[in-house]
Amino acid sequence: PSLLLDHLHRAGLHDVVSVTPAEGGVAALAGIATRRQ
């Protein structure tokens, strides 16, 4: 979740406040990101 949040912020999505991990991926880390707006 921290890694994904860091990537999101670096990509310009600064309103993301948290990431909940998603399961089932094969190679990538994945999650659902909660945004303020």
PDB file of all heavy atoms in Angstrom:
ATOM      1  N   PRO A   1       0.819  -1.217   0.000  1.00  0.00           N
ATOM      2  CA  PRO A   1       0.000   0.000   0.000  1.00  0.00           C
ATOM      3  C   PRO A   1       0.855   1.272   0.000  1.00  0.00           C
ATOM      4  O   PRO A   1       0.536   2.233  -0.712  1.00  0.00           O
ATOM      5  CB  PRO A   1      -0.825  -0.112   1.283  1.00  0.00           C
ATOM      6  CG  PRO A   1      -0.912  -1.572   1.558  1.00  0.00           C
ATOM      7  CD  PRO A   1       0.427  -2.106   1.105  1.00  0.00           C
ATOM      8  N   SER A   2       1.951   1.270   0.751  1.00  0.00           N
ATOM      9  CA  SER A   2       2.832   2.443   0.789  1.00  0.00           C
ATOM     10  C   SER A   2       3.486   2.677  -0.566  1.00  0.00           C
ATOM     11  O   SER A   2       3.591   3.813  -1.024  1.00  0.00           O
ATOM     12  CB  SER A   2       3.906   2.275   1.856  1.00  0.00           C
ATOM     13  OG  SER A   2       3.333   2.205   3.124  1.00  0.00           O
ATOM     14  N   LEU A   3       3.935   1.603  -1.201  1.00  0.00           N
ATOM     15  CA  LEU A   3       4.562   1.711  -2.514  1.00  0.00           C
ATOM     16  C   LEU A   3       3.562   2.255  -3.541  1.00  0.00           C
ATOM     17  O   LEU A   3       3.879   3.163  -4.310  1.00  0.00           O
ATOM     18  CB  LEU A   3       5.097   0.352  -2.971  1.00  0.00           C
ATOM     19  CG  LEU A   3       5.771   0.350  -4.339  1.00  0.00           C
ATOM     20  CD1 LEU A   3       7.113   1.052  -4.266  1.00  0.00           C
ATOM     21  CD2 LEU A   3       5.941  -1.061  -4.844  1.00  0.00           C
ATOM     22  N   LEU A   4       2.350   1.720  -3.533  1.00  0.00           N
ATOM     23  CA  LEU A   4       1.329   2.185  -4.473  1.00  0.00           C
ATOM     24  C   LEU A   4       0.967   3.646  -4.208  1.00  0.00           C
ATOM     25  O   LEU A   4       0.830   4.434  -5.149  1.00  0.00           O
ATOM     26  CB  LEU A   4       0.085   1.299  -4.392  1.00  0.00           C
ATOM     27  CG  LEU A   4       0.272  -0.140  -4.884  1.00  0.00           C
ATOM     28  CD1 LEU A   4      -0.937  -0.991  -4.527  1.00  0.00           C
ATOM     29  CD2 LEU A   4       0.540  -0.179  -6.376  1.00  0.00           C
ATOM     30  N   LEU A   5       0.838   4.025  -2.954  1.00  0.00           N
ATOM     31  CA  LEU A   5       0.528   5.413  -2.603  1.00  0.00           C
ATOM     32  C   LEU A   5       1.637   6.340  -3.085  1.00  0.00           C
ATOM     33  O   LEU A   5       1.368   7.403  -3.649  1.00  0.00           O
ATOM     34  CB  LEU A   5       0.331   5.528  -1.085  1.00  0.00           C
ATOM     35  CG  LEU A   5      -0.166   6.860  -0.546  1.00  0.00           C
ATOM     36  CD1 LEU A   5      -1.535   7.214  -1.122  1.00  0.00           C
ATOM     37  CD2 LEU A   5      -0.228   6.828   0.967  1.00  0.00           C
ATOM     38  N   ASP A   6       2.874   5.927  -2.909  1.00  0.00           N
ATOM     39  CA  ASP A   6       4.014   6.718  -3.386  1.00  0.00           C
ATOM     40  C   ASP A   6       3.963   6.894  -4.900  1.00  0.00           C
ATOM     41  O   ASP A   6       4.145   7.991  -5.419  1.00  0.00           O
ATOM     42  CB  ASP A   6       5.318   6.044  -2.960  1.00  0.00           C
ATOM     43  CG  ASP A   6       6.535   6.847  -3.358  1.00  0.00           C
ATOM     44  OD1 ASP A   6       6.623   8.036  -2.983  1.00  0.00           O
ATOM     45  OD2 ASP A   6       7.411   6.286  -4.065  1.00  0.00           O
ATOM     46  N   HIS A   7       3.689   5.820  -5.638  1.00  0.00           N
ATOM     47  CA  HIS A   7       3.589   5.901  -7.101  1.00  0.00           C
ATOM     48  C   HIS A   7       2.453   6.840  -7.514  1.00  0.00           C
ATOM     49  O   HIS A   7       2.604   7.621  -8.460  1.00  0.00           O
ATOM     50  CB  HIS A   7       3.350   4.522  -7.704  1.00  0.00           C
ATOM     51  CG  HIS A   7       4.572   3.670  -7.813  1.00  0.00           C
ATOM     52  ND1 HIS A   7       5.690   4.023  -8.540  1.00  0.00           N
ATOM     53  CD2 HIS A   7       4.854   2.459  -7.283  1.00  0.00           C
ATOM     54  CE1 HIS A   7       6.603   3.081  -8.463  1.00  0.00           C
ATOM     55  NE2 HIS A   7       6.117   2.110  -7.696  1.00  0.00           N
ATOM     56  N   LEU A   8       1.324   6.750  -6.828  1.00  0.00           N
ATOM     57  CA  LEU A   8       0.183   7.615  -7.147  1.00  0.00           C
ATOM     58  C   LEU A   8       0.526   9.088  -6.937  1.00  0.00           C
ATOM     59  O   LEU A   8       0.220   9.935  -7.787  1.00  0.00           O
ATOM     60  CB  LEU A   8      -1.034   7.233  -6.296  1.00  0.00           C
ATOM     61  CG  LEU A   8      -1.705   5.935  -6.685  1.00  0.00           C
ATOM     62  CD1 LEU A   8      -2.611   5.443  -5.565  1.00  0.00           C
ATOM     63  CD2 LEU A   8      -2.500   6.114  -7.973  1.00  0.00           C
ATOM     64  N   HIS A   9       1.155   9.399  -5.840  1.00  0.00           N
ATOM     65  CA  HIS A   9       1.521  10.786  -5.559  1.00  0.00           C
ATOM     66  C   HIS A   9       2.532  11.303  -6.575  1.00  0.00           C
ATOM     67  O   HIS A   9       2.413  12.440  -7.060  1.00  0.00           O
ATOM     68  CB  HIS A   9       2.052  10.927  -4.135  1.00  0.00           C
ATOM     69  CG  HIS A   9       0.981  10.793  -3.098  1.00  0.00           C
ATOM     70  ND1 HIS A   9       1.257  10.699  -1.760  1.00  0.00           N
ATOM     71  CD2 HIS A   9      -0.373  10.725  -3.192  1.00  0.00           C
ATOM     72  CE1 HIS A   9       0.138  10.596  -1.082  1.00  0.00           C
ATOM     73  NE2 HIS A   9      -0.874  10.597  -1.930  1.00  0.00           N
ATOM     74  N   ARG A  10       3.513  10.451  -6.946  1.00  0.00           N
ATOM     75  CA  ARG A  10       4.494  10.874  -7.958  1.00  0.00           C
ATOM     76  C   ARG A  10       3.855  11.071  -9.323  1.00  0.00           C
ATOM     77  O   ARG A  10       4.340  11.855 -10.132  1.00  0.00           O
ATOM     78  CB  ARG A  10       5.651   9.881  -8.047  1.00  0.00           C
ATOM     79  CG  ARG A  10       6.636  10.069  -6.903  1.00  0.00           C
ATOM     80  CD  ARG A  10       7.912   9.286  -7.087  1.00  0.00           C
ATOM     81  NE  ARG A  10       7.641   7.883  -6.738  1.00  0.00           N
ATOM     82  CZ  ARG A  10       8.135   6.851  -7.385  1.00  0.00           C
ATOM     83  NH1 ARG A  10       8.907   7.016  -8.424  1.00  0.00           N
ATOM     84  NH2 ARG A  10       7.839   5.631  -7.002  1.00  0.00           N
ATOM     85  N   ALA A  11       2.745  10.363  -9.587  1.00  0.00           N
ATOM     86  CA  ALA A  11       2.042  10.505 -10.867  1.00  0.00           C
ATOM     87  C   ALA A  11       1.084  11.697 -10.859  1.00  0.00           C
ATOM     88  O   ALA A  11       0.436  11.963 -11.866  1.00  0.00           O
ATOM     89  CB  ALA A  11       1.276   9.220 -11.182  1.00  0.00           C
ATOM     90  N   GLY A  12       0.987  12.395  -9.713  1.00  0.00           N
ATOM     91  CA  GLY A  12       0.162  13.593  -9.658  1.00  0.00           C
ATOM     92  C   GLY A  12      -1.203  13.413  -9.014  1.00  0.00           C
ATOM     93  O   GLY A  12      -1.975  14.362  -8.946  1.00  0.00           O
ATOM     94  N   LEU A  13      -1.516  12.233  -8.534  1.00  0.00           N
ATOM     95  CA  LEU A  13      -2.788  12.015  -7.854  1.00  0.00           C
ATOM     96  C   LEU A  13      -2.589  12.267  -6.358  1.00  0.00           C
ATOM     97  O   LEU A  13      -2.484  11.346  -5.555  1.00  0.00           O
ATOM     98  CB  LEU A  13      -3.316  10.596  -8.115  1.00  0.00           C
ATOM     99  CG  LEU A  13      -4.021  10.451  -9.464  1.00  0.00           C
ATOM    100  CD1 LEU A  13      -3.004  10.154 -10.545  1.00  0.00           C
ATOM    101  CD2 LEU A  13      -5.053   9.379  -9.390  1.00  0.00           C
ATOM    102  N   HIS A  14      -2.533  13.544  -5.989  1.00  0.00           N
ATOM    103  CA  HIS A  14      -2.222  13.942  -4.625  1.00  0.00           C
ATOM    104  C   HIS A  14      -3.409  13.850  -3.681  1.00  0.00           C
ATOM    105  O   HIS A  14      -3.235  13.995  -2.465  1.00  0.00           O
ATOM    106  CB  HIS A  14      -1.648  15.363  -4.616  1.00  0.00           C
ATOM    107  CG  HIS A  14      -0.402  15.476  -5.421  1.00  0.00           C
ATOM    108  ND1 HIS A  14       0.797  14.929  -5.021  1.00  0.00           N
ATOM    109  CD2 HIS A  14      -0.167  16.052  -6.626  1.00  0.00           C
ATOM    110  CE1 HIS A  14       1.719  15.159  -5.933  1.00  0.00           C
ATOM    111  NE2 HIS A  14       1.163  15.842  -6.918  1.00  0.00           N
ATOM    112  N   ASP A  15      -4.616  13.598  -4.222  1.00  0.00           N
ATOM    113  CA  ASP A  15      -5.787  13.498  -3.358  1.00  0.00           C
ATOM    114  C   ASP A  15      -6.026  12.075  -2.851  1.00  0.00           C
ATOM    115  O   ASP A  15      -6.989  11.819  -2.140  1.00  0.00           O
ATOM    116  CB  ASP A  15      -7.039  14.030  -4.053  1.00  0.00           C
ATOM    117  CG  ASP A  15      -7.480  13.184  -5.231  1.00  0.00           C
ATOM    118  OD1 ASP A  15      -6.633  12.481  -5.825  1.00  0.00           O
ATOM    119  OD2 ASP A  15      -8.674  13.221  -5.561  1.00  0.00           O
ATOM    120  N   VAL A  16      -5.138  11.143  -3.180  1.00  0.00           N
ATOM    121  CA  VAL A  16      -5.275   9.768  -2.688  1.00  0.00           C
ATOM    122  C   VAL A  16      -4.808   9.743  -1.234  1.00  0.00           C
ATOM    123  O   VAL A  16      -3.713  10.198  -0.912  1.00  0.00           O
ATOM    124  CB  VAL A  16      -4.458   8.781  -3.535  1.00  0.00           C
ATOM    125  CG1 VAL A  16      -4.495   7.388  -2.920  1.00  0.00           C
ATOM    126  CG2 VAL A  16      -4.985   8.751  -4.964  1.00  0.00           C
ATOM    127  N   VAL A  17      -5.664   9.203  -0.353  1.00  0.00           N
ATOM    128  CA  VAL A  17      -5.342   9.178   1.070  1.00  0.00           C
ATOM    129  C   VAL A  17      -4.986   7.791   1.584  1.00  0.00           C
ATOM    130  O   VAL A  17      -4.332   7.660   2.612  1.00  0.00           O
ATOM    131  CB  VAL A  17      -6.492   9.777   1.911  1.00  0.00           C
ATOM    132  CG1 VAL A  17      -6.641  11.262   1.615  1.00  0.00           C
ATOM    133  CG2 VAL A  17      -7.794   9.045   1.675  1.00  0.00           C
ATOM    134  N   SER A  18      -5.433   6.748   0.888  1.00  0.00           N
ATOM    135  CA  SER A  18      -5.089   5.395   1.324  1.00  0.00           C
ATOM    136  C   SER A  18      -5.248   4.422   0.169  1.00  0.00           C
ATOM    137  O   SER A  18      -5.935   4.710  -0.813  1.00  0.00           O
ATOM    138  CB  SER A  18      -5.974   4.955   2.496  1.00  0.00           C
ATOM    139  OG  SER A  18      -7.314   4.824   2.084  1.00  0.00           O
ATOM    140  N   VAL A  19      -4.604   3.264   0.321  1.00  0.00           N
ATOM    141  CA  VAL A  19      -4.703   2.191  -0.665  1.00  0.00           C
ATOM    142  C   VAL A  19      -4.952   0.888   0.082  1.00  0.00           C
ATOM    143  O   VAL A  19      -4.223   0.546   1.015  1.00  0.00           O
ATOM    144  CB  VAL A  19      -3.421   2.066  -1.519  1.00  0.00           C
ATOM    145  CG1 VAL A  19      -3.539   0.906  -2.490  1.00  0.00           C
ATOM    146  CG2 VAL A  19      -3.129   3.361  -2.262  1.00  0.00           C
ATOM    147  N   THR A  20      -5.987   0.174  -0.348  1.00  0.00           N
ATOM    148  CA  THR A  20      -6.298  -1.144   0.202  1.00  0.00           C
ATOM    149  C   THR A  20      -5.816  -2.178  -0.805  1.00  0.00           C
ATOM    150  O   THR A  20      -6.210  -2.126  -1.977  1.00  0.00           O
ATOM    151  CB  THR A  20      -7.820  -1.298   0.419  1.00  0.00           C
ATOM    152  OG1 THR A  20      -8.259  -0.260   1.295  1.00  0.00           O
ATOM    153  CG2 THR A  20      -8.147  -2.650   1.009  1.00  0.00           C
ATOM    154  N   PRO A  21      -4.955  -3.102  -0.388  1.00  0.00           N
ATOM    155  CA  PRO A  21      -4.428  -4.092  -1.334  1.00  0.00           C
ATOM    156  C   PRO A  21      -5.535  -4.924  -1.987  1.00  0.00           C
ATOM    157  O   PRO A  21      -6.540  -5.240  -1.353  1.00  0.00           O
ATOM    158  CB  PRO A  21      -3.541  -4.986  -0.471  1.00  0.00           C
ATOM    159  CG  PRO A  21      -3.232  -4.190   0.743  1.00  0.00           C
ATOM    160  CD  PRO A  21      -4.424  -3.300   0.964  1.00  0.00           C
ATOM    161  N   ALA A  22      -5.327  -5.245  -3.256  1.00  0.00           N
ATOM    162  CA  ALA A  22      -6.226  -6.135  -3.999  1.00  0.00           C
ATOM    163  C   ALA A  22      -5.499  -7.466  -4.166  1.00  0.00           C
ATOM    164  O   ALA A  22      -4.282  -7.501  -4.315  1.00  0.00           O
ATOM    165  CB  ALA A  22      -6.566  -5.536  -5.357  1.00  0.00           C
ATOM    166  N   GLU A  23      -6.252  -8.522  -4.139  1.00  0.00           N
ATOM    167  CA  GLU A  23      -5.664  -9.849  -4.285  1.00  0.00           C
ATOM    168  C   GLU A  23      -5.921 -10.398  -5.674  1.00  0.00           C
ATOM    169  O   GLU A  23      -6.827  -9.955  -6.367  1.00  0.00           O
ATOM    170  CB  GLU A  23      -6.262 -10.788  -3.243  1.00  0.00           C
ATOM    171  CG  GLU A  23      -5.930 -10.384  -1.828  1.00  0.00           C
ATOM    172  CD  GLU A  23      -6.489 -11.344  -0.805  1.00  0.00           C
ATOM    173  OE1 GLU A  23      -6.909 -12.459  -1.184  1.00  0.00           O
ATOM    174  OE2 GLU A  23      -6.503 -10.976   0.373  1.00  0.00           O
ATOM    175  N   GLY A  24      -5.125 -11.371  -6.068  1.00  0.00           N
ATOM    176  CA  GLY A  24      -5.364 -12.078  -7.307  1.00  0.00           C
ATOM    177  C   GLY A  24      -4.428 -11.722  -8.442  1.00  0.00           C
ATOM    178  O   GLY A  24      -4.445 -12.376  -9.468  1.00  0.00           O
ATOM    179  N   GLY A  25      -3.612 -10.701  -8.288  1.00  0.00           N
ATOM    180  CA  GLY A  25      -2.688 -10.352  -9.346  1.00  0.00           C
ATOM    181  C   GLY A  25      -1.565 -11.368  -9.460  1.00  0.00           C
ATOM    182  O   GLY A  25      -1.220 -12.041  -8.490  1.00  0.00           O
ATOM    183  N   VAL A  26      -0.986 -11.467 -10.632  1.00  0.00           N
ATOM    184  CA  VAL A  26       0.087 -12.426 -10.857  1.00  0.00           C
ATOM    185  C   VAL A  26       1.451 -11.769 -10.677  1.00  0.00           C
ATOM    186  O   VAL A  26       2.307 -12.284  -9.968  1.00  0.00           O
ATOM    187  CB  VAL A  26      -0.032 -13.056 -12.268  1.00  0.00           C
ATOM    188  CG1 VAL A  26       1.149 -13.957 -12.553  1.00  0.00           C
ATOM    189  CG2 VAL A  26      -1.339 -13.801 -12.392  1.00  0.00           C
ATOM    190  N   ALA A  27       1.664 -10.636 -11.304  1.00  0.00           N
ATOM    191  CA  ALA A  27       2.991 -10.030 -11.281  1.00  0.00           C
ATOM    192  C   ALA A  27       3.031  -8.665 -10.601  1.00  0.00           C
ATOM    193  O   ALA A  27       3.995  -8.339  -9.922  1.00  0.00           O
ATOM    194  CB  ALA A  27       3.516  -9.888 -12.716  1.00  0.00           C
ATOM    195  N   ALA A  28       1.982  -7.875 -10.758  1.00  0.00           N
ATOM    196  CA  ALA A  28       1.985  -6.505 -10.248  1.00  0.00           C
ATOM    197  C   ALA A  28       1.371  -6.427  -8.855  1.00  0.00           C
ATOM    198  O   ALA A  28       0.570  -7.269  -8.464  1.00  0.00           O
ATOM    199  CB  ALA A  28       1.212  -5.596 -11.194  1.00  0.00           C
ATOM    200  N   LEU A  29       1.762  -5.403  -8.130  1.00  0.00           N
ATOM    201  CA  LEU A  29       1.076  -5.044  -6.895  1.00  0.00           C
ATOM    202  C   LEU A  29      -0.166  -4.271  -7.307  1.00  0.00           C
ATOM    203  O   LEU A  29      -0.138  -3.490  -8.266  1.00  0.00           O
ATOM    204  CB  LEU A  29       1.964  -4.152  -6.031  1.00  0.00           C
ATOM    205  CG  LEU A  29       3.315  -4.722  -5.616  1.00  0.00           C
ATOM    206  CD1 LEU A  29       4.144  -3.652  -4.923  1.00  0.00           C
ATOM    207  CD2 LEU A  29       3.119  -5.922  -4.718  1.00  0.00           C
ATOM    208  N   ALA A  30      -1.264  -4.442  -6.598  1.00  0.00           N
ATOM    209  CA  ALA A  30      -2.499  -3.754  -6.985  1.00  0.00           C
ATOM    210  C   ALA A  30      -3.304  -3.397  -5.756  1.00  0.00           C
ATOM    211  O   ALA A  30      -3.164  -4.007  -4.690  1.00  0.00           O
ATOM    212  CB  ALA A  30      -3.320  -4.644  -7.912  1.00  0.00           C
ATOM    213  N   GLY A  31      -4.155  -2.390  -5.908  1.00  0.00           N
ATOM    214  CA  GLY A  31      -5.008  -1.985  -4.811  1.00  0.00           C
ATOM    215  C   GLY A  31      -6.091  -1.031  -5.264  1.00  0.00           C
ATOM    216  O   GLY A  31      -6.111  -0.574  -6.405  1.00  0.00           O
ATOM    217  N   ILE A  32      -6.999  -0.762  -4.340  1.00  0.00           N
ATOM    218  CA  ILE A  32      -8.053   0.227  -4.552  1.00  0.00           C
ATOM    219  C   ILE A  32      -7.662   1.454  -3.751  1.00  0.00           C
ATOM    220  O   ILE A  32      -7.461   1.380  -2.532  1.00  0.00           O
ATOM    221  CB  ILE A  32      -9.431  -0.293  -4.095  1.00  0.00           C
ATOM    222  CG1 ILE A  32      -9.791  -1.592  -4.810  1.00  0.00           C
ATOM    223  CG2 ILE A  32     -10.495   0.781  -4.296  1.00  0.00           C
ATOM    224  CD1 ILE A  32      -9.983  -1.458  -6.304  1.00  0.00           C
ATOM    225  N   ALA A  33      -7.539   2.589  -4.426  1.00  0.00           N
ATOM    226  CA  ALA A  33      -7.123   3.834  -3.795  1.00  0.00           C
ATOM    227  C   ALA A  33      -8.338   4.686  -3.461  1.00  0.00           C
ATOM    228  O   ALA A  33      -9.201   4.897  -4.314  1.00  0.00           O
ATOM    229  CB  ALA A  33      -6.178   4.599  -4.720  1.00  0.00           C
ATOM    230  N   THR A  34      -8.372   5.171  -2.230  1.00  0.00           N
ATOM    231  CA  THR A  34      -9.424   6.072  -1.776  1.00  0.00           C
ATOM    232  C   THR A  34      -8.930   7.496  -1.944  1.00  0.00           C
ATOM    233  O   THR A  34      -7.805   7.821  -1.542  1.00  0.00           O
ATOM    234  CB  THR A  34      -9.760   5.803  -0.296  1.00  0.00           C
ATOM    235  OG1 THR A  34     -10.169   4.439  -0.173  1.00  0.00           O
ATOM    236  CG2 THR A  34     -10.855   6.720   0.201  1.00  0.00           C
ATOM    237  N   ARG A  35      -9.799   8.338  -2.525  1.00  0.00           N
ATOM    238  CA  ARG A  35      -9.429   9.726  -2.799  1.00  0.00           C
ATOM    239  C   ARG A  35     -10.279  10.683  -1.968  1.00  0.00           C
ATOM    240  O   ARG A  35     -11.407  10.376  -1.620  1.00  0.00           O
ATOM    241  CB  ARG A  35      -9.635  10.013  -4.285  1.00  0.00           C
ATOM    242  CG  ARG A  35      -8.850   9.059  -5.171  1.00  0.00           C
ATOM    243  CD  ARG A  35      -9.250   9.164  -6.608  1.00  0.00           C
ATOM    244  NE  ARG A  35      -8.692  10.390  -7.168  1.00  0.00           N
ATOM    245  CZ  ARG A  35      -8.945  10.791  -8.410  1.00  0.00           C
ATOM    246  NH1 ARG A  35      -9.745  10.116  -9.191  1.00  0.00           N
ATOM    247  NH2 ARG A  35      -8.396  11.884  -8.859  1.00  0.00           N
ATOM    248  N   ARG A  36      -9.704  11.852  -1.661  1.00  0.00           N
ATOM    249  CA  ARG A  36     -10.475  12.882  -0.966  1.00  0.00           C
ATOM    250  C   ARG A  36     -11.577  13.420  -1.865  1.00  0.00           C
ATOM    251  O   ARG A  36     -12.666  13.716  -1.408  1.00  0.00           O
ATOM    252  CB  ARG A  36      -9.566  14.044  -0.555  1.00  0.00           C
ATOM    253  CG  ARG A  36      -8.896  13.858   0.778  1.00  0.00           C
ATOM    254  CD  ARG A  36      -8.314  15.128   1.327  1.00  0.00           C
ATOM    255  NE  ARG A  36      -7.116  15.692   0.964  1.00  0.00           N
ATOM    256  CZ  ARG A  36      -5.882  15.211   0.696  1.00  0.00           C
ATOM    257  NH1 ARG A  36      -5.605  14.248   0.652  1.00  0.00           N
ATOM    258  NH2 ARG A  36      -4.829  15.743   0.423  1.00  0.00           N
ATOM    259  N   GLN A  37     -11.241  13.567  -3.125  1.00  0.00           N
ATOM    260  CA  GLN A  37     -12.197  14.089  -4.104  1.00  0.00           C
ATOM    261  C   GLN A  37     -12.232  13.106  -5.258  1.00  0.00           C
ATOM    262  O   GLN A  37     -11.208  12.785  -5.835  1.00  0.00           O
ATOM    263  CB  GLN A  37     -11.769  15.463  -4.608  1.00  0.00           C
ATOM    264  CG  GLN A  37     -11.642  16.485  -3.517  1.00  0.00           C
ATOM    265  CD  GLN A  37     -10.985  17.762  -4.015  1.00  0.00           C
ATOM    266  OE1 GLN A  37     -10.424  17.807  -5.090  1.00  0.00           O
ATOM    267  NE2 GLN A  37     -11.055  18.799  -3.210  1.00  0.00           N
TER     268      GLN A  37
END
